[in-house]
């Protein structure tokens, strides 16, 4: 009997065969079940894999094997990630997928075709600013925890500016 067996959905190769279990009735052998067995090609470091589908007859087992393959392929297709519909949360216009990683909140979104503008410069503290704050802190009457927190912040700012005492 030459039935068509679809290839294994996992390895696409390996050995596949159909075996029948029979029962001797005293006068003849009667098929009581059939199995399609497949041995996936062995890969280095992986255990051997055997897949088995059973049916009442040889044709039933082959049909189940082929249906299983089609069902598995349909399930895989359904599980494929769908492309996300990226939109600007403010305007609802389409958004390029490449900008999501750097701007997940959509803060930097611009209208399509709008010219790019440089960001506003951030104010920088200078050594003179640090000196002014130091003078203020020396003249203030803060006590306790507030005093310690303010001075700690001042020293961190001064260190980031590279300003000495």
N, C-alpha and C. Protein backbone atom coordinates (compact mmCIF):
# COMPACT_ATOMS: atom_id res chain seq x y z
N UNK A 1 0.86 -1.17 0.00
CA UNK A 1 0.00 0.00 0.00
C UNK A 1 0.90 1.23 0.00
N UNK A 2 0.65 2.20 -0.87
CA UNK A 2 1.52 3.37 -0.99
C UNK A 2 0.74 4.64 -0.64
N UNK A 3 0.54 4.88 0.64
CA UNK A 3 -0.14 6.09 1.09
C UNK A 3 0.88 7.21 1.20
N UNK A 4 0.38 8.42 1.04
CA UNK A 4 1.25 9.60 1.10
C UNK A 4 1.33 10.08 2.54
N UNK A 5 2.57 10.16 3.09
CA UNK A 5 2.78 10.68 4.44
C UNK A 5 3.45 12.04 4.33
N UNK A 6 2.86 13.04 4.98
CA UNK A 6 3.46 14.36 5.00
C UNK A 6 4.75 14.31 5.82
N UNK A 7 5.71 15.20 5.53
CA UNK A 7 6.95 15.21 6.32
C UNK A 7 6.69 15.69 7.75
N UNK A 8 7.61 15.37 8.62
CA UNK A 8 7.50 15.77 10.02
C UNK A 8 7.52 17.30 10.12
N UNK A 9 6.61 17.89 10.90
CA UNK A 9 6.60 19.35 11.02
C UNK A 9 7.76 19.89 11.86
N UNK A 10 8.42 19.03 12.61
CA UNK A 10 9.50 19.48 13.48
C UNK A 10 10.86 19.39 12.80
N UNK A 11 11.15 18.25 12.19
CA UNK A 11 12.48 18.09 11.59
C UNK A 11 12.43 18.05 10.07
N UNK A 12 11.28 17.72 9.49
CA UNK A 12 11.16 17.66 8.03
C UNK A 12 11.89 16.49 7.41
N UNK A 13 12.47 15.65 8.23
CA UNK A 13 13.24 14.51 7.72
C UNK A 13 13.00 13.33 8.64
N UNK A 14 14.01 12.52 8.84
CA UNK A 14 13.88 11.38 9.74
C UNK A 14 13.18 10.23 9.07
N UNK A 15 12.94 9.19 9.85
CA UNK A 15 12.31 7.97 9.33
C UNK A 15 10.87 7.92 9.78
N UNK A 16 9.94 7.63 8.84
CA UNK A 16 8.53 7.49 9.16
C UNK A 16 8.05 6.17 8.61
N UNK A 17 7.31 5.42 9.42
CA UNK A 17 6.76 4.16 8.91
C UNK A 17 5.40 3.90 9.55
N UNK A 18 4.62 3.05 8.89
CA UNK A 18 3.29 2.68 9.37
C UNK A 18 3.35 1.23 9.80
N UNK A 19 2.97 0.96 11.05
CA UNK A 19 2.94 -0.40 11.58
C UNK A 19 1.51 -0.77 11.91
N UNK A 20 1.16 -2.05 11.65
CA UNK A 20 -0.18 -2.54 11.99
C UNK A 20 -0.07 -3.58 13.09
N UNK A 21 -0.98 -3.50 14.04
CA UNK A 21 -1.08 -4.54 15.07
C UNK A 21 -2.20 -5.47 14.66
N UNK A 22 -1.89 -6.75 14.66
CA UNK A 22 -2.89 -7.72 14.22
C UNK A 22 -3.23 -8.70 15.33
N UNK A 23 -4.34 -9.36 15.15
CA UNK A 23 -4.80 -10.39 16.10
C UNK A 23 -5.19 -11.62 15.29
N UNK A 24 -4.65 -12.77 15.69
CA UNK A 24 -4.97 -14.01 14.99
C UNK A 24 -6.29 -14.53 15.53
N UNK A 25 -7.26 -14.68 14.63
CA UNK A 25 -8.60 -15.12 15.05
C UNK A 25 -8.75 -16.62 14.99
N UNK A 26 -7.75 -17.31 14.57
CA UNK A 26 -7.84 -18.75 14.43
C UNK A 26 -7.88 -19.15 12.97
N UNK A 27 -8.35 -18.22 12.13
CA UNK A 27 -8.42 -18.52 10.71
C UNK A 27 -7.64 -17.48 9.90
N UNK A 28 -7.56 -16.28 10.45
CA UNK A 28 -6.85 -15.22 9.72
C UNK A 28 -6.38 -14.15 10.70
N UNK A 29 -5.51 -13.28 10.23
CA UNK A 29 -5.06 -12.15 11.03
C UNK A 29 -5.98 -10.98 10.77
N UNK A 30 -6.38 -10.33 11.83
CA UNK A 30 -7.26 -9.17 11.70
C UNK A 30 -6.54 -7.95 12.26
N UNK A 31 -6.54 -6.85 11.51
CA UNK A 31 -5.88 -5.61 11.96
C UNK A 31 -6.75 -5.01 13.06
N UNK A 32 -6.12 -4.76 14.23
CA UNK A 32 -6.87 -4.16 15.33
C UNK A 32 -6.48 -2.70 15.54
N UNK A 33 -5.29 -2.31 15.06
CA UNK A 33 -4.89 -0.90 15.13
C UNK A 33 -3.69 -0.69 14.21
N UNK A 34 -3.46 0.59 13.92
CA UNK A 34 -2.31 0.95 13.10
C UNK A 34 -1.68 2.20 13.71
N UNK A 35 -0.38 2.32 13.53
CA UNK A 35 0.35 3.47 14.09
C UNK A 35 1.30 4.01 13.05
N UNK A 36 1.32 5.34 12.97
CA UNK A 36 2.36 6.00 12.19
C UNK A 36 3.41 6.41 13.19
N UNK A 37 4.63 5.93 13.00
CA UNK A 37 5.74 6.26 13.90
C UNK A 37 6.80 7.02 13.12
N UNK A 38 7.29 8.06 13.76
CA UNK A 38 8.33 8.88 13.12
C UNK A 38 9.45 9.12 14.11
N UNK A 39 10.68 8.91 13.66
CA UNK A 39 11.88 9.18 14.44
C UNK A 39 12.54 10.41 13.85
N UNK A 40 12.55 11.51 14.60
CA UNK A 40 13.19 12.74 14.13
C UNK A 40 14.69 12.52 14.03
N UNK A 41 15.27 13.20 13.06
CA UNK A 41 16.72 13.12 12.89
C UNK A 41 17.39 13.59 14.17
N UNK A 42 18.35 12.84 14.63
CA UNK A 42 19.02 13.17 15.90
C UNK A 42 19.96 14.34 15.72
N UNK A 43 19.89 15.27 16.66
CA UNK A 43 20.79 16.42 16.66
C UNK A 43 21.76 16.28 17.81
N UNK A 44 22.95 16.82 17.63
CA UNK A 44 23.99 16.75 18.65
C UNK A 44 23.48 17.35 19.96
N UNK A 45 23.59 16.60 21.04
CA UNK A 45 23.21 17.10 22.36
C UNK A 45 21.72 17.00 22.65
N UNK A 46 20.92 16.50 21.72
CA UNK A 46 19.47 16.38 21.93
C UNK A 46 19.07 14.91 22.01
N UNK A 47 18.07 14.59 22.82
CA UNK A 47 17.62 13.20 22.87
C UNK A 47 16.87 12.84 21.59
N UNK A 48 16.79 11.56 21.33
CA UNK A 48 16.05 11.09 20.16
C UNK A 48 14.56 11.37 20.37
N UNK A 49 13.86 11.77 19.32
CA UNK A 49 12.42 12.07 19.41
C UNK A 49 11.63 11.09 18.57
N UNK A 50 10.59 10.52 19.15
CA UNK A 50 9.70 9.62 18.43
C UNK A 50 8.29 10.18 18.53
N UNK A 51 7.65 10.34 17.39
CA UNK A 51 6.26 10.79 17.34
C UNK A 51 5.41 9.61 16.90
N UNK A 52 4.21 9.49 17.47
CA UNK A 52 3.37 8.35 17.16
C UNK A 52 1.91 8.78 17.11
N UNK A 53 1.23 8.38 16.04
CA UNK A 53 -0.20 8.63 15.87
C UNK A 53 -0.87 7.29 15.62
N UNK A 54 -1.95 7.00 16.35
CA UNK A 54 -2.63 5.71 16.22
C UNK A 54 -3.98 5.89 15.56
N UNK A 55 -4.42 4.83 14.87
CA UNK A 55 -5.74 4.79 14.27
C UNK A 55 -6.26 3.37 14.25
N UNK A 56 -7.53 3.19 13.91
CA UNK A 56 -8.11 1.84 13.87
C UNK A 56 -7.62 1.06 12.66
N UNK A 57 -7.41 1.79 11.56
CA UNK A 57 -6.90 1.14 10.35
C UNK A 57 -5.67 1.90 9.86
N UNK A 58 -4.97 1.30 8.90
CA UNK A 58 -3.79 1.94 8.31
C UNK A 58 -4.17 3.29 7.70
N UNK A 59 -5.25 3.33 6.95
CA UNK A 59 -5.70 4.57 6.31
C UNK A 59 -6.08 5.64 7.34
N UNK A 60 -6.71 5.18 8.43
CA UNK A 60 -7.10 6.11 9.50
C UNK A 60 -5.86 6.73 10.16
N UNK A 61 -4.85 5.92 10.44
CA UNK A 61 -3.62 6.43 11.06
C UNK A 61 -2.91 7.42 10.14
N UNK A 62 -2.84 7.10 8.85
CA UNK A 62 -2.18 8.00 7.89
C UNK A 62 -2.96 9.31 7.77
N UNK A 63 -4.30 9.21 7.72
CA UNK A 63 -5.13 10.42 7.64
C UNK A 63 -4.92 11.30 8.88
N UNK A 64 -4.86 10.70 10.07
CA UNK A 64 -4.63 11.47 11.30
C UNK A 64 -3.25 12.11 11.30
N UNK A 65 -2.25 11.37 10.80
CA UNK A 65 -0.89 11.95 10.73
C UNK A 65 -0.89 13.17 9.82
N UNK A 66 -1.47 13.06 8.66
CA UNK A 66 -1.49 14.17 7.71
C UNK A 66 -2.35 15.33 8.22
N UNK A 67 -3.46 15.05 8.90
CA UNK A 67 -4.29 16.12 9.46
C UNK A 67 -3.55 16.83 10.59
N UNK A 68 -2.82 16.07 11.38
CA UNK A 68 -2.05 16.64 12.47
C UNK A 68 -1.04 17.64 11.94
N UNK A 69 -0.42 17.29 10.84
CA UNK A 69 0.57 18.18 10.24
C UNK A 69 -0.12 19.47 9.80
N UNK A 70 -1.26 19.36 9.13
CA UNK A 70 -1.98 20.54 8.66
C UNK A 70 -2.46 21.38 9.84
N UNK A 71 -2.96 20.72 10.90
CA UNK A 71 -3.43 21.45 12.07
C UNK A 71 -2.28 22.17 12.77
N UNK A 72 -1.12 21.51 12.85
CA UNK A 72 0.03 22.14 13.49
C UNK A 72 0.52 23.34 12.70
N UNK A 73 0.54 23.22 11.37
CA UNK A 73 0.95 24.35 10.54
C UNK A 73 -0.04 25.51 10.67
N UNK A 74 -1.34 25.22 10.74
CA UNK A 74 -2.34 26.27 10.93
C UNK A 74 -2.16 26.93 12.30
N UNK A 75 -1.86 26.12 13.33
CA UNK A 75 -1.65 26.68 14.67
C UNK A 75 -0.40 27.57 14.69
N UNK A 76 0.65 27.13 14.02
CA UNK A 76 1.86 27.95 13.96
C UNK A 76 1.59 29.27 13.24
N UNK A 77 0.83 29.21 12.17
CA UNK A 77 0.51 30.43 11.43
C UNK A 77 -0.31 31.38 12.31
N UNK A 78 -1.22 30.83 13.11
CA UNK A 78 -2.04 31.66 13.99
C UNK A 78 -1.21 32.28 15.11
N UNK A 79 -0.12 31.60 15.50
CA UNK A 79 0.71 32.11 16.58
C UNK A 79 1.77 33.09 16.11
N UNK A 80 1.91 33.26 14.81
CA UNK A 80 2.90 34.21 14.31
C UNK A 80 2.53 35.60 14.82
N UNK A 81 3.52 36.34 15.31
CA UNK A 81 3.19 37.67 15.83
C UNK A 81 2.65 38.58 14.73
N UNK A 82 1.61 39.24 15.06
CA UNK A 82 1.01 40.18 14.12
C UNK A 82 1.73 41.52 14.25
N UNK A 83 1.86 42.20 13.16
CA UNK A 83 2.52 43.50 13.19
C UNK A 83 1.68 44.46 14.04
N UNK A 84 2.33 45.08 14.96
CA UNK A 84 1.63 46.03 15.83
C UNK A 84 1.22 47.25 15.01
N UNK A 85 0.06 47.77 15.30
CA UNK A 85 -0.38 48.99 14.64
C UNK A 85 0.10 50.15 15.50
N UNK A 86 1.18 50.75 15.07
CA UNK A 86 1.77 51.83 15.84
C UNK A 86 1.17 53.15 15.42
N UNK A 87 0.65 53.86 16.39
CA UNK A 87 0.07 55.15 16.10
C UNK A 87 0.57 56.18 17.11
N UNK A 88 0.55 57.40 16.68
CA UNK A 88 0.89 58.51 17.54
C UNK A 88 -0.24 58.64 18.56
N UNK A 89 0.04 58.55 19.86
CA UNK A 89 -1.05 58.60 20.85
C UNK A 89 -1.76 59.95 20.90
N UNK A 90 -1.15 60.99 20.34
CA UNK A 90 -1.75 62.32 20.40
C UNK A 90 -2.62 62.62 19.18
N UNK A 91 -2.21 62.09 18.03
CA UNK A 91 -2.94 62.41 16.80
C UNK A 91 -3.61 61.21 16.15
N UNK A 92 -3.16 59.98 16.51
CA UNK A 92 -3.71 58.79 15.90
C UNK A 92 -3.12 58.49 14.53
N UNK A 93 -2.14 59.26 14.07
CA UNK A 93 -1.53 59.01 12.77
C UNK A 93 -0.54 57.85 12.87
N UNK A 94 -0.24 57.19 11.75
CA UNK A 94 0.71 56.06 11.79
C UNK A 94 2.07 56.49 12.32
N UNK A 95 2.72 55.53 12.98
CA UNK A 95 4.01 55.79 13.59
C UNK A 95 5.02 54.76 13.08
N UNK A 96 6.22 55.18 12.83
CA UNK A 96 7.27 54.29 12.34
C UNK A 96 7.71 53.36 13.47
N UNK A 97 7.79 52.06 13.20
CA UNK A 97 8.15 51.12 14.24
C UNK A 97 9.56 51.35 14.78
N UNK A 98 10.43 51.98 14.02
CA UNK A 98 11.82 52.16 14.45
C UNK A 98 11.96 53.17 15.58
N UNK A 99 10.97 54.01 15.82
CA UNK A 99 11.13 55.02 16.87
C UNK A 99 10.58 54.58 18.22
N UNK A 100 10.00 53.39 18.31
CA UNK A 100 9.37 52.97 19.55
C UNK A 100 10.39 52.67 20.64
N UNK A 101 11.51 52.03 20.28
CA UNK A 101 12.48 51.65 21.29
C UNK A 101 13.06 52.86 22.00
N UNK A 102 13.33 53.92 21.26
CA UNK A 102 13.95 55.08 21.88
C UNK A 102 12.93 56.03 22.52
N UNK A 103 11.66 55.85 22.19
CA UNK A 103 10.64 56.77 22.70
C UNK A 103 9.33 56.01 22.97
N UNK A 104 9.31 55.09 23.95
CA UNK A 104 8.11 54.28 24.15
C UNK A 104 6.89 55.09 24.60
N UNK A 105 7.09 56.22 25.23
CA UNK A 105 5.96 57.02 25.71
C UNK A 105 5.41 57.96 24.63
N UNK A 106 6.09 58.05 23.49
CA UNK A 106 5.61 58.91 22.42
C UNK A 106 5.87 60.38 22.65
N UNK A 107 6.84 60.71 23.49
CA UNK A 107 7.12 62.10 23.82
C UNK A 107 7.73 62.84 22.62
N UNK A 108 8.54 62.15 21.84
CA UNK A 108 9.26 62.80 20.74
C UNK A 108 8.54 62.70 19.39
N UNK A 109 7.29 62.33 19.39
CA UNK A 109 6.58 62.13 18.13
C UNK A 109 6.35 63.47 17.44
N UNK A 110 6.58 63.45 16.13
CA UNK A 110 6.31 64.62 15.30
C UNK A 110 5.33 64.24 14.21
N UNK A 111 4.67 65.21 13.68
CA UNK A 111 3.76 64.97 12.57
C UNK A 111 4.59 64.50 11.36
N UNK A 112 4.06 63.58 10.56
CA UNK A 112 4.78 63.15 9.37
C UNK A 112 5.09 64.34 8.47
N UNK A 113 6.33 64.41 8.01
CA UNK A 113 6.76 65.48 7.11
C UNK A 113 7.17 66.77 7.81
N UNK A 114 6.94 66.86 9.11
CA UNK A 114 7.32 68.08 9.83
C UNK A 114 8.85 68.15 9.92
N UNK A 115 9.42 69.34 9.82
CA UNK A 115 10.88 69.45 9.90
C UNK A 115 11.37 69.12 11.31
N UNK A 116 12.55 68.51 11.37
CA UNK A 116 13.14 68.19 12.67
C UNK A 116 13.78 69.43 13.25
N UNK A 117 13.55 69.63 14.53
CA UNK A 117 14.14 70.78 15.21
C UNK A 117 15.03 70.28 16.34
N UNK A 118 16.07 71.00 16.61
CA UNK A 118 16.96 70.63 17.71
C UNK A 118 16.26 70.86 19.03
N UNK A 119 16.62 70.06 20.00
CA UNK A 119 16.04 70.22 21.34
C UNK A 119 16.56 71.51 21.96
N UNK A 120 15.77 72.09 22.81
CA UNK A 120 16.18 73.31 23.50
C UNK A 120 17.39 73.00 24.38
N UNK A 121 18.35 73.89 24.41
CA UNK A 121 19.53 73.63 25.24
C UNK A 121 19.15 73.59 26.72
N UNK A 122 19.76 72.65 27.43
CA UNK A 122 19.50 72.51 28.85
C UNK A 122 20.39 73.49 29.62
N UNK A 123 19.85 74.16 30.63
CA UNK A 123 20.68 75.09 31.40
C UNK A 123 21.80 74.34 32.11
N UNK A 124 22.99 74.90 32.09
CA UNK A 124 24.16 74.30 32.73
C UNK A 124 24.57 75.16 33.92
N UNK A 125 24.88 74.51 35.01
CA UNK A 125 25.37 75.23 36.18
C UNK A 125 26.84 75.57 35.95
N UNK A 126 27.26 76.69 36.45
CA UNK A 126 28.65 77.11 36.29
C UNK A 126 29.32 77.13 37.65
N UNK A 127 30.61 77.33 37.64
CA UNK A 127 31.37 77.43 38.90
C UNK A 127 30.87 78.63 39.70
N UNK A 128 30.49 79.71 39.00
CA UNK A 128 29.99 80.89 39.70
C UNK A 128 28.67 80.58 40.41
N UNK A 129 27.80 79.77 39.74
CA UNK A 129 26.55 79.37 40.38
C UNK A 129 26.83 78.57 41.64
N UNK A 130 27.79 77.66 41.57
CA UNK A 130 28.15 76.85 42.73
C UNK A 130 28.65 77.74 43.87
N UNK A 131 29.46 78.74 43.53
CA UNK A 131 29.99 79.65 44.55
C UNK A 131 28.85 80.43 45.21
N UNK A 132 27.88 80.86 44.41
CA UNK A 132 26.74 81.61 44.95
C UNK A 132 25.94 80.74 45.91
N UNK A 133 25.69 79.49 45.52
CA UNK A 133 24.94 78.58 46.38
C UNK A 133 25.72 78.33 47.67
N UNK A 134 27.03 78.15 47.56
CA UNK A 134 27.87 77.90 48.73
C UNK A 134 27.78 79.07 49.71
N UNK A 135 27.83 80.28 49.19
CA UNK A 135 27.72 81.46 50.05
C UNK A 135 26.37 81.53 50.74
N UNK A 136 25.30 81.19 49.98
CA UNK A 136 23.97 81.20 50.56
C UNK A 136 23.86 80.17 51.69
N UNK A 137 24.37 78.96 51.42
CA UNK A 137 24.29 77.91 52.42
C UNK A 137 25.08 78.27 53.69
N UNK A 138 26.21 78.92 53.51
CA UNK A 138 27.00 79.33 54.68
C UNK A 138 26.28 80.37 55.52
N UNK A 139 25.48 81.21 54.86
CA UNK A 139 24.80 82.28 55.60
C UNK A 139 23.45 81.84 56.15
N UNK A 140 22.92 80.67 55.73
CA UNK A 140 21.59 80.24 56.18
C UNK A 140 21.66 79.64 57.57
N UNK A 141 20.50 79.58 58.20
CA UNK A 141 20.40 79.09 59.57
C UNK A 141 19.77 77.70 59.64
N UNK A 142 19.91 76.90 58.54
CA UNK A 142 19.32 75.56 58.53
C UNK A 142 20.00 74.68 59.56
N UNK A 143 19.23 73.77 60.14
CA UNK A 143 19.75 72.87 61.15
C UNK A 143 19.29 71.44 60.84
N UNK A 144 19.99 70.48 61.39
CA UNK A 144 19.57 69.08 61.34
C UNK A 144 19.61 68.45 59.97
N UNK A 145 18.59 67.60 59.75
CA UNK A 145 18.52 66.80 58.53
C UNK A 145 18.44 67.65 57.27
N UNK A 146 17.63 68.69 57.28
CA UNK A 146 17.50 69.59 56.12
C UNK A 146 18.88 70.15 55.76
N UNK A 147 19.62 70.58 56.75
CA UNK A 147 20.95 71.13 56.54
C UNK A 147 21.85 70.08 55.86
N UNK A 148 21.83 68.85 56.36
CA UNK A 148 22.68 67.79 55.81
C UNK A 148 22.31 67.45 54.37
N UNK A 149 21.00 67.38 54.08
CA UNK A 149 20.55 67.03 52.73
C UNK A 149 20.94 68.11 51.72
N UNK A 150 20.77 69.38 52.09
CA UNK A 150 21.10 70.47 51.18
C UNK A 150 22.60 70.50 50.90
N UNK A 151 23.41 70.35 51.94
CA UNK A 151 24.85 70.35 51.75
C UNK A 151 25.31 69.16 50.92
N UNK A 152 24.69 68.00 51.15
CA UNK A 152 25.03 66.81 50.37
C UNK A 152 24.74 67.04 48.89
N UNK A 153 23.57 67.63 48.59
CA UNK A 153 23.23 67.94 47.20
C UNK A 153 24.21 68.94 46.61
N UNK A 154 24.59 69.93 47.40
CA UNK A 154 25.55 70.93 46.93
C UNK A 154 26.88 70.28 46.55
N UNK A 155 27.38 69.39 47.40
CA UNK A 155 28.67 68.75 47.11
C UNK A 155 28.59 67.84 45.88
N UNK A 156 27.45 67.19 45.67
CA UNK A 156 27.29 66.37 44.46
C UNK A 156 27.31 67.25 43.20
N UNK A 157 26.62 68.38 43.24
CA UNK A 157 26.61 69.29 42.10
C UNK A 157 28.01 69.83 41.85
N UNK A 158 28.67 70.22 42.91
CA UNK A 158 30.01 70.78 42.76
C UNK A 158 30.96 69.72 42.17
N UNK A 159 30.85 68.50 42.61
CA UNK A 159 31.71 67.43 42.08
C UNK A 159 31.42 67.18 40.60
N UNK A 160 30.15 67.26 40.20
CA UNK A 160 29.82 67.05 38.78
C UNK A 160 30.35 68.15 37.90
N UNK A 161 30.53 69.35 38.47
CA UNK A 161 31.08 70.47 37.71
C UNK A 161 32.60 70.46 37.72
N UNK A 162 33.19 69.65 38.59
CA UNK A 162 34.64 69.61 38.68
C UNK A 162 35.22 70.82 39.36
N UNK A 163 34.44 71.45 40.26
CA UNK A 163 34.88 72.66 40.95
C UNK A 163 35.48 72.26 42.30
N UNK A 164 36.62 72.81 42.64
CA UNK A 164 37.27 72.54 43.93
C UNK A 164 36.70 73.42 45.02
N UNK A 165 37.23 73.26 46.23
CA UNK A 165 36.77 74.05 47.39
C UNK A 165 37.13 75.50 47.28
